[in-house]
């Protein structure tokens, strides 16, 4: 999906790196995978790994890389929205005014973010997630596919919210929660 967004943005050159040595020289479309990833990489880069914790680790492992954000051309982003480095915004996303999105986030296909939301670094909003206005999402949080969050809710850091959940009240750090209404299942 990240390659698709890069191609939609007409990136002229791309290389794919993977730490799994078994993927060395594999072909993906017309790209060759290089493995393992050299530690001295330089230039523009994006991390295309779904795991929030792994994205955080990798972002600190390569100090010579310049992290770029990618935005699919079909996304609507209000003019005053702030998007951090290394963040990917997929097709059909809508981000309304006053929203701030952190570094290395994934805003997945068709997600809708209403006004004045704050999305912490390394977070992932899965496809079809809807956030009402003034929602705050902490660092590293994953909100599962098709979930929705009512206005003025604060969700802590490193939270996992299961698919299809309806979040009607705040959640503390480092919990797993799901359901309608969303309830904490594990701490």
N, C-alpha and C. Protein backbone atom coordinates (compact mmCIF):
# COMPACT_ATOMS: atom_id res chain seq x y z
N UNK A 1 0.82 -1.20 0.00
CA UNK A 1 0.00 0.00 0.00
C UNK A 1 0.87 1.26 0.00
N UNK A 2 1.96 1.23 0.75
CA UNK A 2 2.84 2.40 0.78
C UNK A 2 3.47 2.63 -0.58
N UNK A 3 3.85 1.55 -1.26
CA UNK A 3 4.40 1.68 -2.61
C UNK A 3 3.36 2.32 -3.53
N UNK A 4 2.10 1.90 -3.40
CA UNK A 4 1.04 2.49 -4.22
C UNK A 4 0.94 3.99 -3.98
N UNK A 5 0.96 4.41 -2.73
CA UNK A 5 0.87 5.85 -2.43
C UNK A 5 2.08 6.58 -3.00
N UNK A 6 3.27 5.99 -2.88
CA UNK A 6 4.47 6.61 -3.45
C UNK A 6 4.36 6.73 -4.96
N UNK A 7 3.88 5.68 -5.61
CA UNK A 7 3.72 5.74 -7.07
C UNK A 7 2.66 6.76 -7.47
N UNK A 8 1.57 6.85 -6.69
CA UNK A 8 0.55 7.86 -6.97
C UNK A 8 1.11 9.28 -6.87
N UNK A 9 2.14 9.44 -6.03
CA UNK A 9 2.82 10.73 -5.88
C UNK A 9 3.97 10.89 -6.87
N UNK A 10 4.09 9.97 -7.79
CA UNK A 10 5.07 10.01 -8.87
C UNK A 10 6.51 10.03 -8.39
N UNK A 11 6.82 9.24 -7.38
CA UNK A 11 8.20 9.10 -6.96
C UNK A 11 8.98 8.43 -8.09
N UNK A 12 10.08 9.00 -8.48
CA UNK A 12 10.84 8.49 -9.62
C UNK A 12 11.67 7.25 -9.26
N UNK A 13 12.26 7.24 -8.09
CA UNK A 13 13.11 6.13 -7.69
C UNK A 13 12.72 5.66 -6.30
N UNK A 14 12.69 4.33 -6.15
CA UNK A 14 12.41 3.75 -4.84
C UNK A 14 13.22 2.48 -4.68
N UNK A 15 13.62 2.22 -3.46
CA UNK A 15 14.27 0.97 -3.10
C UNK A 15 13.53 0.38 -1.91
N UNK A 16 13.48 -0.93 -1.86
CA UNK A 16 12.82 -1.62 -0.75
C UNK A 16 13.88 -2.38 0.03
N UNK A 17 13.88 -2.17 1.36
CA UNK A 17 14.81 -2.86 2.24
C UNK A 17 14.02 -3.66 3.25
N UNK A 18 14.57 -4.82 3.62
CA UNK A 18 13.93 -5.68 4.61
C UNK A 18 15.03 -6.38 5.39
N UNK A 19 14.87 -6.49 6.71
CA UNK A 19 15.88 -7.16 7.53
C UNK A 19 15.82 -8.69 7.43
N UNK A 20 14.78 -9.23 6.80
CA UNK A 20 14.66 -10.67 6.63
C UNK A 20 15.52 -11.10 5.44
N UNK A 21 16.64 -11.75 5.72
CA UNK A 21 17.60 -12.13 4.68
C UNK A 21 16.97 -13.03 3.63
N UNK A 22 15.93 -13.77 3.99
CA UNK A 22 15.26 -14.65 3.03
C UNK A 22 14.54 -13.87 1.93
N UNK A 23 14.32 -12.59 2.15
CA UNK A 23 13.65 -11.76 1.14
C UNK A 23 14.63 -11.07 0.19
N UNK A 24 15.94 -11.26 0.42
CA UNK A 24 16.94 -10.63 -0.44
C UNK A 24 16.73 -11.07 -1.89
N UNK A 25 16.67 -10.10 -2.77
CA UNK A 25 16.51 -10.28 -4.22
C UNK A 25 15.11 -10.70 -4.65
N UNK A 26 14.16 -10.76 -3.74
CA UNK A 26 12.78 -11.02 -4.15
C UNK A 26 12.29 -9.83 -4.97
N UNK A 27 11.37 -10.09 -5.85
CA UNK A 27 10.78 -9.03 -6.68
C UNK A 27 9.39 -8.70 -6.15
N UNK A 28 9.12 -7.40 -6.08
CA UNK A 28 7.77 -6.92 -5.80
C UNK A 28 7.47 -5.88 -6.86
N UNK A 29 6.46 -6.17 -7.69
CA UNK A 29 6.22 -5.39 -8.90
C UNK A 29 7.52 -5.33 -9.68
N UNK A 30 8.03 -4.14 -9.94
CA UNK A 30 9.31 -4.04 -10.65
C UNK A 30 10.45 -3.62 -9.72
N UNK A 31 10.25 -3.80 -8.41
CA UNK A 31 11.26 -3.46 -7.42
C UNK A 31 11.93 -4.73 -6.90
N UNK A 32 13.20 -4.61 -6.57
CA UNK A 32 13.93 -5.71 -5.95
C UNK A 32 14.11 -5.40 -4.47
N UNK A 33 13.85 -6.39 -3.63
CA UNK A 33 14.02 -6.23 -2.19
C UNK A 33 15.50 -6.46 -1.85
N UNK A 34 16.05 -5.58 -1.02
CA UNK A 34 17.43 -5.69 -0.56
C UNK A 34 17.42 -6.05 0.91
N UNK A 35 18.17 -7.10 1.27
CA UNK A 35 18.23 -7.52 2.67
C UNK A 35 19.64 -8.02 2.97
N UNK A 36 20.13 -7.77 4.17
CA UNK A 36 19.53 -6.97 5.23
C UNK A 36 19.65 -5.47 4.94
N UNK A 37 19.01 -4.67 5.77
CA UNK A 37 19.04 -3.22 5.60
C UNK A 37 20.39 -2.68 6.06
N UNK A 38 21.11 -1.95 5.19
CA UNK A 38 22.39 -1.37 5.62
C UNK A 38 22.18 -0.31 6.70
N UNK A 39 23.09 -0.23 7.63
CA UNK A 39 22.95 0.73 8.73
C UNK A 39 23.36 2.15 8.33
N UNK A 40 24.02 2.29 7.19
CA UNK A 40 24.50 3.61 6.77
C UNK A 40 23.63 4.24 5.68
N UNK A 41 22.38 3.83 5.58
CA UNK A 41 21.48 4.40 4.57
C UNK A 41 21.35 5.90 4.75
N UNK A 42 21.24 6.60 3.62
CA UNK A 42 21.02 8.05 3.61
C UNK A 42 19.87 8.36 2.66
N UNK A 43 19.31 9.55 2.80
CA UNK A 43 18.29 10.02 1.87
C UNK A 43 16.90 9.97 2.46
N UNK A 44 15.91 10.15 1.58
CA UNK A 44 14.51 10.16 1.98
C UNK A 44 14.02 8.74 2.18
N UNK A 45 13.17 8.54 3.20
CA UNK A 45 12.69 7.19 3.49
C UNK A 45 11.34 7.23 4.18
N UNK A 46 10.66 6.09 4.12
CA UNK A 46 9.40 5.87 4.82
C UNK A 46 9.45 4.45 5.36
N UNK A 47 8.90 4.24 6.55
CA UNK A 47 8.84 2.90 7.14
C UNK A 47 7.47 2.33 6.81
N UNK A 48 7.45 1.22 6.09
CA UNK A 48 6.16 0.63 5.69
C UNK A 48 5.92 -0.67 6.45
N UNK A 49 5.91 -0.55 7.76
CA UNK A 49 5.67 -1.68 8.66
C UNK A 49 4.48 -1.33 9.54
N UNK A 50 3.53 -2.26 9.65
CA UNK A 50 2.31 -1.99 10.39
C UNK A 50 2.47 -1.92 11.89
N UNK A 51 3.46 -2.60 12.46
CA UNK A 51 3.64 -2.62 13.91
C UNK A 51 4.10 -1.26 14.41
N UNK A 52 3.31 -0.67 15.31
CA UNK A 52 3.65 0.64 15.86
C UNK A 52 4.98 0.62 16.62
N UNK A 53 5.21 -0.43 17.41
CA UNK A 53 6.46 -0.52 18.18
C UNK A 53 7.67 -0.68 17.28
N UNK A 54 7.54 -1.47 16.22
CA UNK A 54 8.67 -1.66 15.30
C UNK A 54 8.95 -0.37 14.54
N UNK A 55 7.91 0.36 14.11
CA UNK A 55 8.14 1.65 13.45
C UNK A 55 8.90 2.59 14.37
N UNK A 56 8.55 2.60 15.65
CA UNK A 56 9.24 3.48 16.59
C UNK A 56 10.71 3.08 16.71
N UNK A 57 10.98 1.79 16.82
CA UNK A 57 12.37 1.33 16.95
C UNK A 57 13.17 1.69 15.70
N UNK A 58 12.63 1.38 14.54
CA UNK A 58 13.36 1.63 13.29
C UNK A 58 13.61 3.12 13.09
N UNK A 59 12.66 3.96 13.46
CA UNK A 59 12.83 5.41 13.23
C UNK A 59 14.05 5.96 13.97
N UNK A 60 14.44 5.31 15.07
CA UNK A 60 15.62 5.74 15.81
C UNK A 60 16.90 5.05 15.40
N UNK A 61 16.78 3.98 14.61
CA UNK A 61 17.96 3.19 14.23
C UNK A 61 18.73 3.75 13.05
N UNK A 62 18.15 4.70 12.32
CA UNK A 62 18.77 5.21 11.09
C UNK A 62 18.84 6.73 11.11
N UNK A 63 19.81 7.28 11.83
CA UNK A 63 19.87 8.74 12.01
C UNK A 63 20.18 9.52 10.74
N UNK A 64 20.67 8.86 9.70
CA UNK A 64 21.04 9.57 8.47
C UNK A 64 19.88 9.65 7.48
N UNK A 65 18.78 8.98 7.78
CA UNK A 65 17.63 9.03 6.88
C UNK A 65 16.77 10.25 7.18
N UNK A 66 16.16 10.78 6.14
CA UNK A 66 15.21 11.88 6.29
C UNK A 66 13.82 11.29 6.06
N UNK A 67 13.01 11.26 7.11
CA UNK A 67 11.70 10.62 7.05
C UNK A 67 10.71 11.51 6.31
N UNK A 68 10.12 10.95 5.28
CA UNK A 68 9.15 11.67 4.45
C UNK A 68 7.74 11.18 4.77
N UNK A 69 6.79 12.05 4.65
CA UNK A 69 5.39 11.66 4.76
C UNK A 69 4.84 11.44 3.36
N UNK A 70 3.88 10.53 3.26
CA UNK A 70 3.22 10.24 1.99
C UNK A 70 1.73 10.43 2.16
N UNK A 71 1.12 11.13 1.21
CA UNK A 71 -0.32 11.39 1.25
C UNK A 71 -0.91 10.98 -0.09
N UNK A 72 -1.86 10.05 -0.05
CA UNK A 72 -2.52 9.62 -1.28
C UNK A 72 -3.26 10.80 -1.89
N UNK A 73 -3.22 10.96 -3.22
CA UNK A 73 -3.87 12.12 -3.85
C UNK A 73 -5.38 12.19 -3.64
N UNK A 74 -6.03 11.06 -3.30
CA UNK A 74 -7.48 11.10 -3.09
C UNK A 74 -7.87 11.51 -1.67
N UNK A 75 -6.89 11.70 -0.80
CA UNK A 75 -7.18 12.13 0.57
C UNK A 75 -7.56 13.61 0.58
N UNK A 76 -8.51 13.97 1.45
CA UNK A 76 -8.80 15.38 1.68
C UNK A 76 -8.18 15.76 3.01
N UNK A 77 -7.33 16.79 2.99
CA UNK A 77 -6.68 17.27 4.20
C UNK A 77 -6.88 18.77 4.25
N UNK A 78 -7.53 19.25 5.31
CA UNK A 78 -7.76 20.69 5.46
C UNK A 78 -6.43 21.44 5.47
N UNK A 79 -6.42 22.67 5.00
CA UNK A 79 -5.16 23.41 4.85
C UNK A 79 -4.35 23.60 6.14
N UNK A 80 -5.00 23.66 7.29
CA UNK A 80 -4.25 23.93 8.52
C UNK A 80 -3.85 22.67 9.29
N UNK A 81 -4.10 21.50 8.74
CA UNK A 81 -3.72 20.25 9.40
C UNK A 81 -2.20 20.12 9.42
N UNK A 82 -1.67 19.64 10.54
CA UNK A 82 -0.23 19.41 10.67
C UNK A 82 0.01 17.91 10.69
N UNK A 83 0.92 17.45 9.82
CA UNK A 83 1.23 16.03 9.70
C UNK A 83 2.73 15.86 9.92
N UNK A 84 3.09 15.00 10.87
CA UNK A 84 4.49 14.78 11.22
C UNK A 84 5.24 13.96 10.18
N UNK A 85 6.55 13.90 10.38
CA UNK A 85 7.41 13.18 9.44
C UNK A 85 7.16 11.68 9.50
N UNK A 86 7.30 11.04 8.34
CA UNK A 86 7.17 9.59 8.27
C UNK A 86 5.76 9.06 8.31
N UNK A 87 4.77 9.92 8.30
CA UNK A 87 3.37 9.49 8.38
C UNK A 87 2.85 9.17 6.98
N UNK A 88 2.00 8.14 6.91
CA UNK A 88 1.38 7.75 5.64
C UNK A 88 -0.13 7.94 5.77
N UNK A 89 -0.71 8.66 4.80
CA UNK A 89 -2.14 8.88 4.72
C UNK A 89 -2.63 8.17 3.46
N UNK A 90 -3.50 7.18 3.66
CA UNK A 90 -3.93 6.32 2.55
C UNK A 90 -5.12 6.92 1.80
N UNK A 91 -5.57 6.19 0.79
CA UNK A 91 -6.64 6.63 -0.10
C UNK A 91 -7.95 6.87 0.66
N UNK A 92 -8.66 7.92 0.24
CA UNK A 92 -9.99 8.20 0.75
C UNK A 92 -10.07 8.75 2.17
N UNK A 93 -8.96 9.11 2.75
CA UNK A 93 -8.94 9.66 4.11
C UNK A 93 -9.47 11.09 4.08
N UNK A 94 -10.17 11.48 5.15
CA UNK A 94 -10.62 12.86 5.33
C UNK A 94 -10.09 13.34 6.68
N UNK A 95 -9.35 14.46 6.67
CA UNK A 95 -8.81 15.04 7.90
C UNK A 95 -9.25 16.50 7.94
N UNK A 96 -10.04 16.83 8.95
CA UNK A 96 -10.66 18.14 9.05
C UNK A 96 -9.77 19.15 9.79
N UNK A 97 -10.15 20.45 9.76
CA UNK A 97 -9.32 21.53 10.29
C UNK A 97 -8.91 21.34 11.75
N UNK A 98 -7.72 21.90 12.04
CA UNK A 98 -7.23 21.95 13.41
C UNK A 98 -6.60 20.66 13.91
N UNK A 99 -6.54 19.65 13.09
CA UNK A 99 -6.01 18.36 13.52
C UNK A 99 -4.49 18.34 13.44
N UNK A 100 -3.87 17.65 14.39
CA UNK A 100 -2.42 17.47 14.43
C UNK A 100 -2.14 15.97 14.48
N UNK A 101 -1.35 15.50 13.52
CA UNK A 101 -0.99 14.09 13.44
C UNK A 101 0.51 13.98 13.64
N UNK A 102 0.92 13.08 14.51
CA UNK A 102 2.32 12.94 14.88
C UNK A 102 3.18 12.28 13.82
N UNK A 103 4.38 11.89 14.24
CA UNK A 103 5.37 11.26 13.38
C UNK A 103 5.11 9.77 13.23
N UNK A 104 5.38 9.25 12.04
CA UNK A 104 5.35 7.81 11.76
C UNK A 104 4.00 7.17 12.07
N UNK A 105 2.93 7.87 11.78
CA UNK A 105 1.58 7.33 11.95
C UNK A 105 1.11 6.69 10.65
N UNK A 106 0.12 5.81 10.77
CA UNK A 106 -0.59 5.27 9.61
C UNK A 106 -2.04 5.70 9.75
N UNK A 107 -2.51 6.47 8.78
CA UNK A 107 -3.91 6.84 8.72
C UNK A 107 -4.46 6.05 7.52
N UNK A 108 -5.11 4.95 7.81
CA UNK A 108 -5.41 3.96 6.78
C UNK A 108 -6.65 4.30 5.97
N UNK A 109 -6.89 3.51 4.96
CA UNK A 109 -7.90 3.72 3.93
C UNK A 109 -9.26 4.14 4.51
N UNK A 110 -9.76 5.27 4.02
CA UNK A 110 -11.10 5.72 4.37
C UNK A 110 -11.30 6.19 5.79
N UNK A 111 -10.23 6.37 6.55
CA UNK A 111 -10.38 6.89 7.92
C UNK A 111 -10.88 8.33 7.85
N UNK A 112 -11.67 8.72 8.86
CA UNK A 112 -12.22 10.07 8.92
C UNK A 112 -11.88 10.68 10.28
N UNK A 113 -11.22 11.81 10.22
CA UNK A 113 -10.80 12.50 11.44
C UNK A 113 -11.43 13.87 11.43
N UNK A 114 -12.30 14.13 12.40
CA UNK A 114 -12.99 15.41 12.44
C UNK A 114 -12.07 16.48 13.04
N UNK A 115 -12.60 17.65 13.28
CA UNK A 115 -11.82 18.82 13.66
C UNK A 115 -11.09 18.68 14.99
N UNK A 116 -9.93 19.32 15.06
CA UNK A 116 -9.17 19.54 16.30
C UNK A 116 -8.79 18.26 17.03
N UNK A 117 -8.51 17.20 16.30
CA UNK A 117 -8.03 15.96 16.92
C UNK A 117 -6.51 15.99 17.02
N UNK A 118 -5.99 15.22 17.97
CA UNK A 118 -4.55 15.08 18.14
C UNK A 118 -4.24 13.59 18.10
N UNK A 119 -3.38 13.20 17.16
CA UNK A 119 -3.00 11.80 16.98
C UNK A 119 -1.52 11.69 17.33
N UNK A 120 -1.19 10.90 18.36
CA UNK A 120 0.18 10.77 18.83
C UNK A 120 1.08 10.01 17.87
N UNK A 121 2.39 10.21 18.02
CA UNK A 121 3.39 9.52 17.21
C UNK A 121 3.16 8.01 17.21
N UNK A 122 3.47 7.38 16.09
CA UNK A 122 3.46 5.92 15.92
C UNK A 122 2.07 5.30 16.05
N UNK A 123 1.02 6.07 15.98
CA UNK A 123 -0.33 5.53 16.08
C UNK A 123 -0.79 5.01 14.72
N UNK A 124 -1.82 4.18 14.76
CA UNK A 124 -2.38 3.60 13.53
C UNK A 124 -3.89 3.63 13.64
N UNK A 125 -4.51 4.34 12.71
CA UNK A 125 -5.96 4.31 12.57
C UNK A 125 -6.25 3.38 11.40
N UNK A 126 -6.87 2.24 11.68
CA UNK A 126 -7.14 1.22 10.66
C UNK A 126 -8.19 1.71 9.67
N UNK A 127 -8.42 0.95 8.57
CA UNK A 127 -9.41 1.37 7.59
C UNK A 127 -10.78 1.62 8.21
N UNK A 128 -11.41 2.70 7.75
CA UNK A 128 -12.77 3.01 8.16
C UNK A 128 -12.96 3.54 9.56
N UNK A 129 -11.89 3.88 10.26
CA UNK A 129 -12.01 4.46 11.61
C UNK A 129 -12.59 5.86 11.49
N UNK A 130 -13.46 6.21 12.43
CA UNK A 130 -14.04 7.56 12.48
C UNK A 130 -13.79 8.18 13.85
N UNK A 131 -13.16 9.34 13.85
CA UNK A 131 -12.95 10.10 15.07
C UNK A 131 -13.80 11.36 15.00
N UNK A 132 -14.64 11.58 16.01
CA UNK A 132 -15.39 12.83 16.09
C UNK A 132 -14.43 13.95 16.50
N UNK A 133 -14.94 15.15 16.68
CA UNK A 133 -14.10 16.29 17.00
C UNK A 133 -13.44 16.21 18.35
N UNK A 134 -12.29 16.84 18.45
CA UNK A 134 -11.48 17.01 19.66
C UNK A 134 -11.17 15.70 20.38
N UNK A 135 -10.84 14.68 19.61
CA UNK A 135 -10.40 13.40 20.17
C UNK A 135 -8.87 13.44 20.26
N UNK A 136 -8.32 12.90 21.34
CA UNK A 136 -6.88 12.80 21.52
C UNK A 136 -6.50 11.33 21.59
N UNK A 137 -5.53 10.94 20.77
CA UNK A 137 -5.04 9.58 20.70
C UNK A 137 -3.57 9.60 21.14
N UNK A 138 -3.20 8.80 22.13
CA UNK A 138 -1.83 8.76 22.63
C UNK A 138 -0.87 8.01 21.72
N UNK A 139 0.40 8.17 22.00
CA UNK A 139 1.47 7.54 21.23
C UNK A 139 1.25 6.03 21.10
N UNK A 140 1.49 5.51 19.90
CA UNK A 140 1.51 4.07 19.67
C UNK A 140 0.18 3.36 19.70
N UNK A 141 -0.90 4.08 19.75
CA UNK A 141 -2.23 3.46 19.86
C UNK A 141 -2.70 2.95 18.51
N UNK A 142 -3.36 1.78 18.54
CA UNK A 142 -3.97 1.17 17.37
C UNK A 142 -5.47 1.18 17.56
N UNK A 143 -6.18 1.78 16.61
CA UNK A 143 -7.64 1.75 16.63
C UNK A 143 -8.08 0.87 15.48
N UNK A 144 -8.75 -0.24 15.80
CA UNK A 144 -9.09 -1.28 14.84
C UNK A 144 -10.11 -0.86 13.80
N UNK A 145 -10.14 -1.62 12.73
CA UNK A 145 -10.96 -1.35 11.55
C UNK A 145 -12.42 -1.08 11.93
N UNK A 146 -12.96 -0.02 11.35
CA UNK A 146 -14.37 0.31 11.52
C UNK A 146 -14.77 0.84 12.88
N UNK A 147 -13.83 1.13 13.74
CA UNK A 147 -14.16 1.66 15.07
C UNK A 147 -14.50 3.14 14.98
N UNK A 148 -15.25 3.62 15.97
CA UNK A 148 -15.56 5.05 16.02
C UNK A 148 -15.38 5.55 17.46
N UNK A 149 -15.03 6.83 17.55
CA UNK A 149 -14.78 7.47 18.84
C UNK A 149 -15.62 8.74 18.89
N UNK A 150 -16.39 8.89 19.98
CA UNK A 150 -17.26 10.06 20.13
C UNK A 150 -16.42 11.30 20.48
N UNK A 151 -17.01 12.50 20.41
CA UNK A 151 -16.26 13.73 20.65
C UNK A 151 -15.65 13.81 22.05
N UNK A 152 -14.55 14.54 22.13
CA UNK A 152 -13.91 14.94 23.39
C UNK A 152 -13.35 13.79 24.21
N UNK A 153 -13.02 12.68 23.57
CA UNK A 153 -12.48 11.51 24.28
C UNK A 153 -10.96 11.52 24.19
N UNK A 154 -10.31 11.12 25.28
CA UNK A 154 -8.86 11.00 25.32
C UNK A 154 -8.51 9.52 25.51
N UNK A 155 -7.75 8.99 24.56
CA UNK A 155 -7.31 7.60 24.61
C UNK A 155 -5.81 7.62 24.89
N UNK A 156 -5.37 6.81 25.85
CA UNK A 156 -3.99 6.82 26.30
C UNK A 156 -2.99 6.29 25.29
N UNK A 157 -1.76 6.10 25.78
CA UNK A 157 -0.64 5.63 24.96
C UNK A 157 -0.66 4.10 24.88
N UNK A 158 -0.24 3.58 23.71
CA UNK A 158 -0.05 2.15 23.49
C UNK A 158 -1.30 1.34 23.82
N UNK A 159 -2.44 1.87 23.43
CA UNK A 159 -3.73 1.22 23.60
C UNK A 159 -4.05 0.44 22.32
N UNK A 160 -4.71 -0.69 22.47
CA UNK A 160 -5.23 -1.44 21.32
C UNK A 160 -6.74 -1.46 21.45
N UNK A 161 -7.42 -0.94 20.43
CA UNK A 161 -8.88 -0.94 20.39
C UNK A 161 -9.30 -1.89 19.27
N UNK A 162 -10.10 -2.89 19.63
CA UNK A 162 -10.51 -3.91 18.68
C UNK A 162 -11.43 -3.39 17.59
N UNK A 163 -11.51 -4.18 16.51
CA UNK A 163 -12.30 -3.84 15.34
C UNK A 163 -13.76 -3.59 15.71
N UNK A 164 -14.36 -2.59 15.06
CA UNK A 164 -15.78 -2.31 15.22
C UNK A 164 -16.19 -1.76 16.57
N UNK A 165 -15.26 -1.28 17.34
CA UNK A 165 -15.58 -0.77 18.67
C UNK A 165 -16.19 0.63 18.61
N UNK A 166 -16.98 0.94 19.63
CA UNK A 166 -17.57 2.26 19.78
C UNK A 166 -17.05 2.82 21.10
N UNK A 167 -16.13 3.78 20.99
CA UNK A 167 -15.46 4.34 22.17
C UNK A 167 -16.25 5.56 22.62
N UNK A 168 -16.84 5.45 23.84
CA UNK A 168 -17.68 6.55 24.34
C UNK A 168 -17.09 7.21 25.58
N UNK A 169 -15.96 6.68 26.06
CA UNK A 169 -15.27 7.32 27.20
C UNK A 169 -13.78 7.07 27.07
N UNK A 170 -13.01 7.88 27.79
CA UNK A 170 -11.56 7.80 27.72
C UNK A 170 -11.02 6.45 28.17
N UNK A 171 -9.80 6.15 27.72
CA UNK A 171 -9.12 4.91 28.08
C UNK A 171 -7.72 5.23 28.58
N UNK A 172 -7.26 4.54 29.64
CA UNK A 172 -5.91 4.80 30.16
C UNK A 172 -4.84 4.17 29.26
N UNK A 173 -3.59 4.41 29.60
CA UNK A 173 -2.46 3.86 28.85
C UNK A 173 -2.44 2.34 28.90
N UNK A 174 -1.90 1.74 27.83
CA UNK A 174 -1.53 0.33 27.78
C UNK A 174 -2.64 -0.64 28.16
N UNK A 175 -3.80 -0.47 27.53
CA UNK A 175 -4.90 -1.41 27.72
C UNK A 175 -5.34 -1.93 26.36
N UNK A 176 -6.02 -3.07 26.39
CA UNK A 176 -6.72 -3.58 25.21
C UNK A 176 -8.19 -3.46 25.51
N UNK A 177 -8.93 -2.88 24.58
CA UNK A 177 -10.36 -2.65 24.80
C UNK A 177 -11.10 -2.90 23.49
N UNK A 178 -12.34 -3.35 23.61
CA UNK A 178 -13.17 -3.55 22.42
C UNK A 178 -14.62 -3.66 22.82
N UNK A 179 -15.47 -3.58 21.81
CA UNK A 179 -16.90 -3.76 22.01
C UNK A 179 -17.70 -2.50 21.76
N UNK A 180 -19.04 -2.67 21.92
CA UNK A 180 -20.00 -1.58 21.77
C UNK A 180 -20.95 -1.64 22.95
N UNK A 181 -20.72 -0.80 23.95
CA UNK A 181 -19.65 0.21 24.05
C UNK A 181 -18.30 -0.46 24.35
N UNK A 182 -17.24 0.24 24.02
CA UNK A 182 -15.88 -0.26 24.21
C UNK A 182 -15.56 -0.38 25.70
N UNK A 183 -15.05 -1.55 26.09
CA UNK A 183 -14.69 -1.82 27.48
C UNK A 183 -13.28 -2.38 27.54
N UNK A 184 -12.57 -2.09 28.63
CA UNK A 184 -11.23 -2.61 28.83
C UNK A 184 -11.31 -4.11 29.08
N UNK A 185 -10.49 -4.89 28.34
CA UNK A 185 -10.46 -6.34 28.49
C UNK A 185 -9.16 -6.83 29.12
N UNK A 186 -8.05 -6.14 28.84
CA UNK A 186 -6.73 -6.50 29.40
C UNK A 186 -5.98 -5.23 29.74
N UNK A 187 -5.16 -5.32 30.78
CA UNK A 187 -4.28 -4.21 31.12
C UNK A 187 -2.85 -4.60 30.88
